[in-house]
Amino acid sequence: MKKYTFTESKDTRSGFGAGLLEAGKQDENVVALCADLIGSLKMNDFINEFPERFFQIGIAEANMMGIAAGLTIGGKIPFTGTFANFSTGRVYDQIRQSIAYSDKNVKIAASHAGLTLGEDGATHQILEDIGLMKMLPGMTVINPCDFNQTKAATIAAAKFEGPVYLRFGRPVVPNFTPADQEFIIGKAVTLNEGTDVTIIATGHLVWEAIQAGEQLAALGIDAEIINIHTIKPLDEEAILKSVTKTKCVVTAEEHNRLGGLGDSVAQVLAKNLPTPQEFVAVDDSFGESGTPAQLMEKYGLNAAAIVAAAQRVINRK
């Protein structure tokens, strides 16, 4: 039974902007900070509606994290906004000490994640951020798949008590999840039920997994497709229920194969249900300059790569 319908293509960062505005309408304590990337983070509508609740910090990301942590002491719910590279690697010490260790209610909104940042090249295409953030005790890590889910995730993050890392991208991608969806942090969504192989995907790779599922169906292979929008806490119950049935799994993510979703799933299976697993991810390398489509093809982050991985893992049962 399919649980998705393609409607149009939109960028996930616009989903964040729409979600931030709605979260601001729902709670007067929601505030926003930005490191000189208002347009890129789609914060304009929030600023126009709530100018007194916005703080332009400038190109001083570490300072932004410290200010955000301080704002929580007065009961505010701050969203920090900059590129994923600057939201994690550049400011990791501030996040660790001032936000995670101190358990501050900061929402770290990270745009332009992964290879699909595109032509800006390897220095900006962070592929380690999920690993960096999920290792921090108490940090919730969310990686939604499309516009609608990013909007819903942003609203849910504002209501959630505790530090959250919210990861989304730059390009226009298919929008296929319901506009009125209920976003439950830590609860996976099964998009298609199947019996031959489990495909667990996150972020932009969810749509590629759907395409792969259709291609596999044409080959007589019945794939179960799970959208893991929350990487931490991970929905272990959904993973184990599916893999118990299919007895093999493919994980797919726009991230280094080390430290991301695939590693988290492998830990669950190693402890509970040792199972053949294949990883669709960047193979321990940096990216390079190119269009998103060119990079996804070169680094094996597309439907064809998922189909090939599914065929390999089925043969390993």
C-alpha atoms as a PDB file:
ATOM      1  CA  MET A   1       0.000   0.000   0.000  1.00  0.00           C
ATOM      2  CA  LYS A   2       1.579   3.261  -1.131  1.00  0.00           C
ATOM      3  CA  LYS A   3       1.532   6.243   1.208  1.00  0.00           C
ATOM      4  CA  TYR A   4       2.819   9.007  -1.041  1.00  0.00           C
ATOM      5  CA  THR A   5       1.609  11.121  -3.962  1.00  0.00           C
ATOM      6  CA  PHE A   6       3.874  13.331  -6.068  1.00  0.00           C
ATOM      7  CA  THR A   7       2.431  16.828  -6.402  1.00  0.00           C
ATOM      8  CA  GLU A   8       5.198  19.214  -7.482  1.00  0.00           C
ATOM      9  CA  SER A   9       8.885  19.969  -6.950  1.00  0.00           C
ATOM     10  CA  LYS A  10       9.936  22.415  -4.225  1.00  0.00           C
ATOM     11  CA  ASP A  11      13.054  23.053  -2.165  1.00  0.00           C
ATOM     12  CA  THR A  12      13.188  21.785   1.394  1.00  0.00           C
ATOM     13  CA  ARG A  13      14.682  25.023   2.715  1.00  0.00           C
ATOM     14  CA  SER A  14      11.437  26.752   1.707  1.00  0.00           C
ATOM     15  CA  GLY A  15       9.672  24.128   3.796  1.00  0.00           C
ATOM     16  CA  PHE A  16      11.795  25.278   6.723  1.00  0.00           C
ATOM     17  CA  GLY A  17      10.868  28.907   6.071  1.00  0.00           C
ATOM     18  CA  ALA A  18       7.166  28.045   5.982  1.00  0.00           C
ATOM     19  CA  GLY A  19       7.477  25.935   9.122  1.00  0.00           C
ATOM     20  CA  LEU A  20       9.392  28.635  10.989  1.00  0.00           C
ATOM     21  CA  LEU A  21       6.667  31.171  10.221  1.00  0.00           C
ATOM     22  CA  GLU A  22       3.944  28.808  11.408  1.00  0.00           C
ATOM     23  CA  ALA A  23       5.891  27.906  14.545  1.00  0.00           C
ATOM     24  CA  GLY A  24       6.272  31.614  15.255  1.00  0.00           C
ATOM     25  CA  LYS A  25       2.514  32.113  14.941  1.00  0.00           C
ATOM     26  CA  GLN A  26       1.843  29.215  17.300  1.00  0.00           C
ATOM     27  CA  ASP A  27       4.310  30.248  20.017  1.00  0.00           C
ATOM     28  CA  GLU A  28       5.464  33.778  20.797  1.00  0.00           C
ATOM     29  CA  ASN A  29       8.659  32.396  22.345  1.00  0.00           C
ATOM     30  CA  VAL A  30       9.950  31.189  18.968  1.00  0.00           C
ATOM     31  CA  VAL A  31      12.806  33.428  17.806  1.00  0.00           C
ATOM     32  CA  ALA A  32      15.227  33.177  14.911  1.00  0.00           C
ATOM     33  CA  LEU A  33      18.927  33.925  14.482  1.00  0.00           C
ATOM     34  CA  CYS A  34      20.846  33.958  11.214  1.00  0.00           C
ATOM     35  CA  ALA A  35      24.486  34.159  10.181  1.00  0.00           C
ATOM     36  CA  ASP A  36      24.044  36.453   7.174  1.00  0.00           C
ATOM     37  CA  LEU A  37      22.078  33.949   5.051  1.00  0.00           C
ATOM     38  CA  ILE A  38      18.477  35.132   5.391  1.00  0.00           C
ATOM     39  CA  GLY A  39      17.563  34.510   1.752  1.00  0.00           C
ATOM     40  CA  SER A  40      19.242  31.119   1.585  1.00  0.00           C
ATOM     41  CA  LEU A  41      17.446  29.943   4.745  1.00  0.00           C
ATOM     42  CA  LYS A  42      14.111  31.412   3.585  1.00  0.00           C
ATOM     43  CA  MET A  43      13.635  33.376   6.809  1.00  0.00           C
ATOM     44  CA  ASN A  44      12.144  36.469   5.144  1.00  0.00           C
ATOM     45  CA  ASP A  45       8.493  35.709   5.930  1.00  0.00           C
ATOM     46  CA  PHE A  46       9.278  35.169   9.618  1.00  0.00           C
ATOM     47  CA  ILE A  47      11.231  38.424   9.740  1.00  0.00           C
ATOM     48  CA  ASN A  48       8.434  40.360   8.040  1.00  0.00           C
ATOM     49  CA  GLU A  49       5.869  38.959  10.491  1.00  0.00           C
ATOM     50  CA  PHE A  50       8.000  39.119  13.651  1.00  0.00           C
ATOM     51  CA  PRO A  51      10.851  41.626  13.142  1.00  0.00           C
ATOM     52  CA  GLU A  52      11.368  42.017  16.897  1.00  0.00           C
ATOM     53  CA  ARG A  53      11.966  38.278  17.239  1.00  0.00           C
ATOM     54  CA  PHE A  54      14.791  38.062  14.700  1.00  0.00           C
ATOM     55  CA  PHE A  55      18.514  38.568  15.315  1.00  0.00           C
ATOM     56  CA  GLN A  56      21.009  39.037  12.491  1.00  0.00           C
ATOM     57  CA  ILE A  57      24.307  37.863  13.955  1.00  0.00           C
ATOM     58  CA  GLY A  58      26.425  38.193  10.829  1.00  0.00           C
ATOM     59  CA  ILE A  59      29.225  35.853   9.811  1.00  0.00           C
ATOM     60  CA  ALA A  60      29.888  34.815  13.410  1.00  0.00           C
ATOM     61  CA  GLU A  61      28.400  31.353  13.696  1.00  0.00           C
ATOM     62  CA  ALA A  62      30.061  30.418  16.989  1.00  0.00           C
ATOM     63  CA  ASN A  63      28.716  33.588  18.561  1.00  0.00           C
ATOM     64  CA  MET A  64      25.266  32.743  17.178  1.00  0.00           C
ATOM     65  CA  MET A  65      25.255  29.393  18.999  1.00  0.00           C
ATOM     66  CA  GLY A  66      26.236  31.026  22.267  1.00  0.00           C
ATOM     67  CA  ILE A  67      23.556  33.689  21.942  1.00  0.00           C
ATOM     68  CA  ALA A  68      20.958  31.032  21.119  1.00  0.00           C
ATOM     69  CA  ALA A  69      21.924  29.044  24.214  1.00  0.00           C
ATOM     70  CA  GLY A  70      21.586  32.176  26.327  1.00  0.00           C
ATOM     71  CA  LEU A  71      18.152  32.998  24.915  1.00  0.00           C
ATOM     72  CA  THR A  72      16.793  29.660  26.142  1.00  0.00           C
ATOM     73  CA  ILE A  73      17.495  30.667  29.727  1.00  0.00           C
ATOM     74  CA  GLY A  74      14.785  33.311  29.376  1.00  0.00           C
ATOM     75  CA  GLY A  75      12.331  30.804  27.935  1.00  0.00           C
ATOM     76  CA  LYS A  76      12.857  31.552  24.260  1.00  0.00           C
ATOM     77  CA  ILE A  77      12.895  28.833  21.589  1.00  0.00           C
ATOM     78  CA  PRO A  78      15.697  29.893  19.227  1.00  0.00           C
ATOM     79  CA  PHE A  79      16.224  28.581  15.706  1.00  0.00           C
ATOM     80  CA  THR A  80      19.740  29.210  14.361  1.00  0.00           C
ATOM     81  CA  GLY A  81      20.059  29.374  10.595  1.00  0.00           C
ATOM     82  CA  THR A  82      23.073  28.848   8.346  1.00  0.00           C
ATOM     83  CA  PHE A  83      24.538  26.238   5.979  1.00  0.00           C
ATOM     84  CA  ALA A  84      25.023  22.734   7.394  1.00  0.00           C
ATOM     85  CA  ASN A  85      28.798  23.059   7.116  1.00  0.00           C
ATOM     86  CA  PHE A  86      28.769  26.182   9.261  1.00  0.00           C
ATOM     87  CA  SER A  87      26.069  24.782  11.575  1.00  0.00           C
ATOM     88  CA  THR A  88      28.222  21.851  12.673  1.00  0.00           C
ATOM     89  CA  GLY A  89      31.914  21.601  11.836  1.00  0.00           C
ATOM     90  CA  ARG A  90      32.682  25.287  12.296  1.00  0.00           C
ATOM     91  CA  VAL A  91      30.887  25.542  15.649  1.00  0.00           C
ATOM     92  CA  TYR A  92      31.123  22.044  17.097  1.00  0.00           C
ATOM     93  CA  ASP A  93      32.743  23.096  20.353  1.00  0.00           C
ATOM     94  CA  GLN A  94      30.054  25.711  21.030  1.00  0.00           C
ATOM     95  CA  ILE A  95      27.288  23.207  20.282  1.00  0.00           C
ATOM     96  CA  ARG A  96      28.878  20.551  22.463  1.00  0.00           C
ATOM     97  CA  GLN A  97      29.568  22.764  25.455  1.00  0.00           C
ATOM     98  CA  SER A  98      26.866  25.440  25.394  1.00  0.00           C
ATOM     99  CA  ILE A  99      23.948  23.528  23.858  1.00  0.00           C
ATOM    100  CA  ALA A 100      24.277  19.727  24.135  1.00  0.00           C
ATOM    101  CA  TYR A 101      26.152  19.429  27.443  1.00  0.00           C
ATOM    102  CA  SER A 102      23.997  22.158  28.944  1.00  0.00           C
ATOM    103  CA  ASP A 103      20.807  20.628  27.440  1.00  0.00           C
ATOM    104  CA  LYS A 104      19.615  23.920  25.995  1.00  0.00           C
ATOM    105  CA  ASN A 105      16.409  24.091  23.949  1.00  0.00           C
ATOM    106  CA  VAL A 106      18.122  25.276  20.739  1.00  0.00           C
ATOM    107  CA  LYS A 107      16.986  24.239  17.252  1.00  0.00           C
ATOM    108  CA  ILE A 108      19.928  24.145  14.826  1.00  0.00           C
ATOM    109  CA  ALA A 109      18.529  24.629  11.318  1.00  0.00           C
ATOM    110  CA  ALA A 110      21.094  23.470   8.772  1.00  0.00           C
ATOM    111  CA  SER A 111      20.503  24.129   5.094  1.00  0.00           C
ATOM    112  CA  HIS A 112      22.533  23.214   1.985  1.00  0.00           C
ATOM    113  CA  ALA A 113      23.561  19.814   3.394  1.00  0.00           C
ATOM    114  CA  GLY A 114      25.231  17.038   1.416  1.00  0.00           C
ATOM    115  CA  LEU A 115      26.357  16.811  -2.199  1.00  0.00           C
ATOM    116  CA  THR A 116      23.260  18.536  -3.577  1.00  0.00           C
ATOM    117  CA  LEU A 117      24.707  21.863  -2.490  1.00  0.00           C
ATOM    118  CA  GLY A 118      26.250  21.411  -5.943  1.00  0.00           C
ATOM    119  CA  GLU A 119      28.628  23.808  -7.588  1.00  0.00           C
ATOM    120  CA  ASP A 120      29.999  25.337  -4.359  1.00  0.00           C
ATOM    121  CA  GLY A 121      32.172  22.249  -4.072  1.00  0.00           C
ATOM    122  CA  ALA A 122      33.719  19.994  -1.455  1.00  0.00           C
ATOM    123  CA  THR A 123      34.514  22.636   1.166  1.00  0.00           C
ATOM    124  CA  HIS A 124      30.804  23.417   1.544  1.00  0.00           C
ATOM    125  CA  GLN A 125      29.353  19.945   0.892  1.00  0.00           C
ATOM    126  CA  ILE A 126      29.430  18.561   4.395  1.00  0.00           C
ATOM    127  CA  LEU A 127      28.934  14.804   4.476  1.00  0.00           C
ATOM    128  CA  GLU A 128      29.853  14.236   8.127  1.00  0.00           C
ATOM    129  CA  ASP A 129      27.247  16.341   9.915  1.00  0.00           C
ATOM    130  CA  ILE A 130      24.777  13.581  10.836  1.00  0.00           C
ATOM    131  CA  GLY A 131      27.585  11.648  12.482  1.00  0.00           C
ATOM    132  CA  LEU A 132      28.870  14.697  14.333  1.00  0.00           C
ATOM    133  CA  MET A 133      25.460  15.586  15.695  1.00  0.00           C
ATOM    134  CA  LYS A 134      24.107  12.147  16.546  1.00  0.00           C
ATOM    135  CA  MET A 135      27.178  11.476  18.714  1.00  0.00           C
ATOM    136  CA  LEU A 136      26.237  14.346  21.032  1.00  0.00           C
ATOM    137  CA  PRO A 137      24.293  13.056  24.043  1.00  0.00           C
ATOM    138  CA  GLY A 138      20.741  14.385  24.099  1.00  0.00           C
ATOM    139  CA  MET A 139      20.819  15.746  20.547  1.00  0.00           C
ATOM    140  CA  THR A 140      17.814  14.895  18.358  1.00  0.00           C
ATOM    141  CA  VAL A 141      18.705  14.576  14.652  1.00  0.00           C
ATOM    142  CA  ILE A 142      16.033  15.113  11.971  1.00  0.00           C
ATOM    143  CA  ASN A 143      16.558  14.823   8.199  1.00  0.00           C
ATOM    144  CA  PRO A 144      13.215  15.313   6.365  1.00  0.00           C
ATOM    145  CA  CYS A 145      12.656  14.302   2.738  1.00  0.00           C
ATOM    146  CA  ASP A 146      10.622  17.037   1.038  1.00  0.00           C
ATOM    147  CA  PHE A 147       8.985  20.474   1.428  1.00  0.00           C
ATOM    148  CA  ASN A 148       5.933  19.261   3.323  1.00  0.00           C
ATOM    149  CA  GLN A 149       7.892  17.091   5.725  1.00  0.00           C
ATOM    150  CA  THR A 150      10.459  19.830   6.403  1.00  0.00           C
ATOM    151  CA  LYS A 151       7.664  22.267   7.252  1.00  0.00           C
ATOM    152  CA  ALA A 152       6.057  19.721   9.576  1.00  0.00           C
ATOM    153  CA  ALA A 153       9.426  18.839  11.141  1.00  0.00           C
ATOM    154  CA  THR A 154      10.168  22.496  11.885  1.00  0.00           C
ATOM    155  CA  ILE A 155       6.845  22.952  13.671  1.00  0.00           C
ATOM    156  CA  ALA A 156       7.394  19.716  15.619  1.00  0.00           C
ATOM    157  CA  ALA A 157      10.930  20.767  16.584  1.00  0.00           C
ATOM    158  CA  ALA A 158       9.606  24.029  18.036  1.00  0.00           C
ATOM    159  CA  LYS A 159       7.246  22.073  20.293  1.00  0.00           C
ATOM    160  CA  PHE A 160       9.892  19.545  21.321  1.00  0.00           C
ATOM    161  CA  GLU A 161      11.848  20.205  24.499  1.00  0.00           C
ATOM    162  CA  GLY A 162      15.586  19.784  23.975  1.00  0.00           C
ATOM    163  CA  PRO A 163      18.323  20.460  21.403  1.00  0.00           C
ATOM    164  CA  VAL A 164      17.474  19.514  17.812  1.00  0.00           C
ATOM    165  CA  TYR A 165      19.559  19.327  14.640  1.00  0.00           C
ATOM    166  CA  LEU A 166      17.309  19.887  11.619  1.00  0.00           C
ATOM    167  CA  ARG A 167      19.003  19.087   8.300  1.00  0.00           C
ATOM    168  CA  PHE A 168      17.675  20.064   4.866  1.00  0.00           C
ATOM    169  CA  GLY A 169      18.935  20.943   1.410  1.00  0.00           C
ATOM    170  CA  ARG A 170      19.360  23.478  -1.335  1.00  0.00           C
ATOM    171  CA  PRO A 171      17.803  22.097  -4.547  1.00  0.00           C
ATOM    172  CA  VAL A 172      14.259  21.727  -5.751  1.00  0.00           C
ATOM    173  CA  VAL A 173      13.179  18.106  -5.154  1.00  0.00           C
ATOM    174  CA  PRO A 174       9.909  16.172  -5.539  1.00  0.00           C
ATOM    175  CA  ASN A 175       7.255  16.992  -2.929  1.00  0.00           C
ATOM    176  CA  PHE A 176       5.287  13.837  -2.213  1.00  0.00           C
ATOM    177  CA  THR A 177       4.358  13.539   1.470  1.00  0.00           C
ATOM    178  CA  PRO A 178       0.977  14.856   2.714  1.00  0.00           C
ATOM    179  CA  ALA A 179       0.652  18.562   3.423  1.00  0.00           C
ATOM    180  CA  ASP A 180      -1.378  17.760   6.553  1.00  0.00           C
ATOM    181  CA  GLN A 181       0.917  15.006   7.815  1.00  0.00           C
ATOM    182  CA  GLU A 182       1.403  14.302  11.487  1.00  0.00           C
ATOM    183  CA  PHE A 183       5.128  14.547  12.177  1.00  0.00           C
ATOM    184  CA  ILE A 184       6.129  12.446  15.155  1.00  0.00           C
ATOM    185  CA  ILE A 185       9.769  12.782  16.156  1.00  0.00           C
ATOM    186  CA  GLY A 186      11.349   9.333  16.324  1.00  0.00           C
ATOM    187  CA  LYS A 187       8.573   7.580  14.385  1.00  0.00           C
ATOM    188  CA  ALA A 188       9.447   6.213  10.933  1.00  0.00           C
ATOM    189  CA  VAL A 189       6.994   6.231   8.031  1.00  0.00           C
ATOM    190  CA  THR A 190       6.492   3.132   5.897  1.00  0.00           C
ATOM    191  CA  LEU A 191       5.824   4.403   2.369  1.00  0.00           C
ATOM    192  CA  ASN A 192       5.420   1.063   0.643  1.00  0.00           C
ATOM    193  CA  GLU A 193       4.952  -2.420   2.063  1.00  0.00           C
ATOM    194  CA  GLY A 194       6.946  -5.321   0.645  1.00  0.00           C
ATOM    195  CA  THR A 195       8.356  -8.753   1.428  1.00  0.00           C
ATOM    196  CA  ASP A 196      11.655  -9.198  -0.455  1.00  0.00           C
ATOM    197  CA  VAL A 197      13.915  -6.372   0.733  1.00  0.00           C
ATOM    198  CA  THR A 198      13.734  -3.435   3.140  1.00  0.00           C
ATOM    199  CA  ILE A 199      14.947  -0.078   1.812  1.00  0.00           C
ATOM    200  CA  ILE A 200      15.537   2.466   4.586  1.00  0.00           C
ATOM    201  CA  ALA A 201      16.194   5.985   3.308  1.00  0.00           C
ATOM    202  CA  THR A 202      16.472   9.498   4.675  1.00  0.00           C
ATOM    203  CA  GLY A 203      16.371  13.031   3.242  1.00  0.00           C
ATOM    204  CA  HIS A 204      16.651  13.451  -0.519  1.00  0.00           C
ATOM    205  CA  LEU A 205      17.308   9.729  -0.938  1.00  0.00           C
ATOM    206  CA  VAL A 206      13.734   8.842   0.054  1.00  0.00           C
ATOM    207  CA  TRP A 207      12.400   9.836  -3.373  1.00  0.00           C
ATOM    208  CA  GLU A 208      15.202   7.886  -5.033  1.00  0.00           C
ATOM    209  CA  ALA A 209      14.204   4.891  -2.911  1.00  0.00           C
ATOM    210  CA  ILE A 210      10.632   5.212  -4.145  1.00  0.00           C
ATOM    211  CA  GLN A 211      11.847   5.246  -7.747  1.00  0.00           C
ATOM    212  CA  ALA A 212      14.036   2.249  -7.005  1.00  0.00           C
ATOM    213  CA  GLY A 213      11.066   0.416  -5.538  1.00  0.00           C
ATOM    214  CA  GLU A 214       9.113   0.900  -8.758  1.00  0.00           C
ATOM    215  CA  GLN A 215      12.047  -0.345 -10.833  1.00  0.00           C
ATOM    216  CA  LEU A 216      12.455  -3.364  -8.570  1.00  0.00           C
ATOM    217  CA  ALA A 217       8.740  -4.135  -8.854  1.00  0.00           C
ATOM    218  CA  ALA A 218       9.162  -4.307 -12.635  1.00  0.00           C
ATOM    219  CA  LEU A 219      11.836  -6.958 -11.986  1.00  0.00           C
ATOM    220  CA  GLY A 220       9.498  -8.937  -9.758  1.00  0.00           C
ATOM    221  CA  ILE A 221      11.107  -7.763  -6.480  1.00  0.00           C
ATOM    222  CA  ASP A 222       8.771  -6.528  -3.740  1.00  0.00           C
ATOM    223  CA  ALA A 223      10.495  -3.753  -1.755  1.00  0.00           C
ATOM    224  CA  GLU A 224       9.385  -2.307   1.553  1.00  0.00           C
ATOM    225  CA  ILE A 225      10.345   1.377   1.718  1.00  0.00           C
ATOM    226  CA  ILE A 226      10.780   3.196   5.014  1.00  0.00           C
ATOM    227  CA  ASN A 227      11.319   6.939   5.418  1.00  0.00           C
ATOM    228  CA  ILE A 228      13.557   7.518   8.431  1.00  0.00           C
ATOM    229  CA  HIS A 229      13.166  11.252   8.989  1.00  0.00           C
ATOM    230  CA  THR A 230      14.483  11.037  12.554  1.00  0.00           C
ATOM    231  CA  ILE A 231      17.934   9.478  12.732  1.00  0.00           C
ATOM    232  CA  LYS A 232      18.162  10.006  16.479  1.00  0.00           C
ATOM    233  CA  PRO A 233      16.182   8.715  18.276  1.00  0.00           C
ATOM    234  CA  LEU A 234      15.914   5.906  15.733  1.00  0.00           C
ATOM    235  CA  ASP A 235      12.680   3.947  15.297  1.00  0.00           C
ATOM    236  CA  GLU A 236      14.188   0.558  16.114  1.00  0.00           C
ATOM    237  CA  GLU A 237      10.786  -1.103  16.307  1.00  0.00           C
ATOM    238  CA  ALA A 238       9.909  -0.207  12.706  1.00  0.00           C
ATOM    239  CA  ILE A 239      13.310  -1.363  11.451  1.00  0.00           C
ATOM    240  CA  LEU A 240      13.199  -4.713  13.229  1.00  0.00           C
ATOM    241  CA  LYS A 241       9.595  -5.378  12.250  1.00  0.00           C
ATOM    242  CA  SER A 242      10.396  -4.844   8.574  1.00  0.00           C
ATOM    243  CA  VAL A 243      13.720  -6.694   8.474  1.00  0.00           C
ATOM    244  CA  THR A 244      12.253  -9.663  10.351  1.00  0.00           C
ATOM    245  CA  LYS A 245       9.925 -10.006   7.360  1.00  0.00           C
ATOM    246  CA  THR A 246      12.312  -9.286   4.462  1.00  0.00           C
ATOM    247  CA  LYS A 247      15.560 -10.651   5.986  1.00  0.00           C
ATOM    248  CA  CYS A 248      17.773  -8.086   4.200  1.00  0.00           C
ATOM    249  CA  VAL A 249      18.146  -4.299   4.115  1.00  0.00           C
ATOM    250  CA  VAL A 250      19.528  -1.420   2.055  1.00  0.00           C
ATOM    251  CA  THR A 251      20.176   1.946   3.685  1.00  0.00           C
ATOM    252  CA  ALA A 252      20.337   5.092   1.554  1.00  0.00           C
ATOM    253  CA  GLU A 253      21.533   8.557   2.564  1.00  0.00           C
ATOM    254  CA  GLU A 254      23.216  11.696   1.230  1.00  0.00           C
ATOM    255  CA  HIS A 255      26.051  11.385   3.723  1.00  0.00           C
ATOM    256  CA  ASN A 256      29.339   9.598   4.304  1.00  0.00           C
ATOM    257  CA  ARG A 257      28.746   5.864   4.797  1.00  0.00           C
ATOM    258  CA  LEU A 258      30.704   6.274   8.050  1.00  0.00           C
ATOM    259  CA  GLY A 259      28.664   7.707  10.899  1.00  0.00           C
ATOM    260  CA  GLY A 260      25.303   8.188   9.240  1.00  0.00           C
ATOM    261  CA  LEU A 261      21.967   6.400   9.010  1.00  0.00           C
ATOM    262  CA  GLY A 262      23.497   3.162   7.736  1.00  0.00           C
ATOM    263  CA  ASP A 263      25.759   2.877  10.763  1.00  0.00           C
ATOM    264  CA  SER A 264      22.832   3.476  13.111  1.00  0.00           C
ATOM    265  CA  VAL A 265      20.735   0.795  11.417  1.00  0.00           C
ATOM    266  CA  ALA A 266      23.686  -1.621  11.461  1.00  0.00           C
ATOM    267  CA  GLN A 267      24.032  -1.175  15.228  1.00  0.00           C
ATOM    268  CA  VAL A 268      20.360  -2.009  15.740  1.00  0.00           C
ATOM    269  CA  LEU A 269      20.644  -5.128  13.593  1.00  0.00           C
ATOM    270  CA  ALA A 270      23.938  -6.258  15.136  1.00  0.00           C
ATOM    271  CA  LYS A 271      22.399  -6.160  18.606  1.00  0.00           C
ATOM    272  CA  ASN A 272      19.018  -7.635  17.757  1.00  0.00           C
ATOM    273  CA  LEU A 273      18.840  -9.300  14.355  1.00  0.00           C
ATOM    274  CA  PRO A 274      22.092  -9.824  12.375  1.00  0.00           C
ATOM    275  CA  THR A 275      21.062  -9.276   8.759  1.00  0.00           C
ATOM    276  CA  PRO A 276      22.713  -8.737   5.334  1.00  0.00           C
ATOM    277  CA  GLN A 277      22.948  -4.997   4.717  1.00  0.00           C
ATOM    278  CA  GLU A 278      24.115  -2.840   1.798  1.00  0.00           C
ATOM    279  CA  PHE A 279      24.985   0.847   2.103  1.00  0.00           C
ATOM    280  CA  VAL A 280      24.087   3.501  -0.476  1.00  0.00           C
ATOM    281  CA  ALA A 281      26.120   6.495   0.667  1.00  0.00           C
ATOM    282  CA  VAL A 282      29.263   8.439  -0.189  1.00  0.00           C
ATOM    283  CA  ASP A 283      32.168   6.004   0.118  1.00  0.00           C
ATOM    284  CA  ASP A 284      34.370   7.834   2.623  1.00  0.00           C
ATOM    285  CA  SER A 285      35.348  10.747   0.394  1.00  0.00           C
ATOM    286  CA  PHE A 286      34.808  14.457  -0.035  1.00  0.00           C
ATOM    287  CA  GLY A 287      32.603  15.785  -2.807  1.00  0.00           C
ATOM    288  CA  GLU A 288      33.458  18.089  -5.701  1.00  0.00           C
ATOM    289  CA  SER A 289      31.922  20.834  -7.800  1.00  0.00           C
ATOM    290  CA  GLY A 290      29.106  19.876 -10.149  1.00  0.00           C
ATOM    291  CA  THR A 291      25.356  19.983 -10.562  1.00  0.00           C
ATOM    292  CA  PRO A 292      23.349  18.050  -7.980  1.00  0.00           C
ATOM    293  CA  ALA A 293      22.288  15.496 -10.602  1.00  0.00           C
ATOM    294  CA  GLN A 294      25.874  14.973 -11.791  1.00  0.00           C
ATOM    295  CA  LEU A 295      27.114  14.472  -8.236  1.00  0.00           C
ATOM    296  CA  MET A 296      24.338  12.107  -7.222  1.00  0.00           C
ATOM    297  CA  GLU A 297      25.135  10.019 -10.298  1.00  0.00           C
ATOM    298  CA  LYS A 298      28.910  10.016  -9.815  1.00  0.00           C
ATOM    299  CA  TYR A 299      28.763   9.198  -6.105  1.00  0.00           C
ATOM    300  CA  GLY A 300      26.092   6.533  -6.495  1.00  0.00           C
ATOM    301  CA  LEU A 301      23.246   8.246  -4.655  1.00  0.00           C
ATOM    302  CA  ASN A 302      20.332   7.527  -6.970  1.00  0.00           C
ATOM    303  CA  ALA A 303      17.627   4.995  -7.761  1.00  0.00           C
ATOM    304  CA  ALA A 304      19.926   2.913  -9.969  1.00  0.00           C
ATOM    305  CA  ALA A 305      22.418   2.523  -7.111  1.00  0.00           C
ATOM    306  CA  ILE A 306      19.633   1.490  -4.727  1.00  0.00           C
ATOM    307  CA  VAL A 307      18.336  -1.083  -7.226  1.00  0.00           C
ATOM    308  CA  ALA A 308      21.822  -2.572  -7.599  1.00  0.00           C
ATOM    309  CA  ALA A 309      22.289  -2.650  -3.817  1.00  0.00           C
ATOM    310  CA  ALA A 310      18.928  -4.356  -3.374  1.00  0.00           C
ATOM    311  CA  GLN A 311      19.853  -7.045  -5.876  1.00  0.00           C
ATOM    312  CA  ARG A 312      23.188  -7.620  -4.133  1.00  0.00           C
ATOM    313  CA  VAL A 313      21.703  -7.892  -0.683  1.00  0.00           C
ATOM    314  CA  ILE A 314      18.931 -10.269  -1.783  1.00  0.00           C
ATOM    315  CA  ASN A 315      21.613 -12.595  -3.103  1.00  0.00           C
ATOM    316  CA  ARG A 316      23.250 -12.547   0.329  1.00  0.00           C
ATOM    317  CA  LYS A 317      20.213 -13.836   2.231  1.00  0.00           C
END
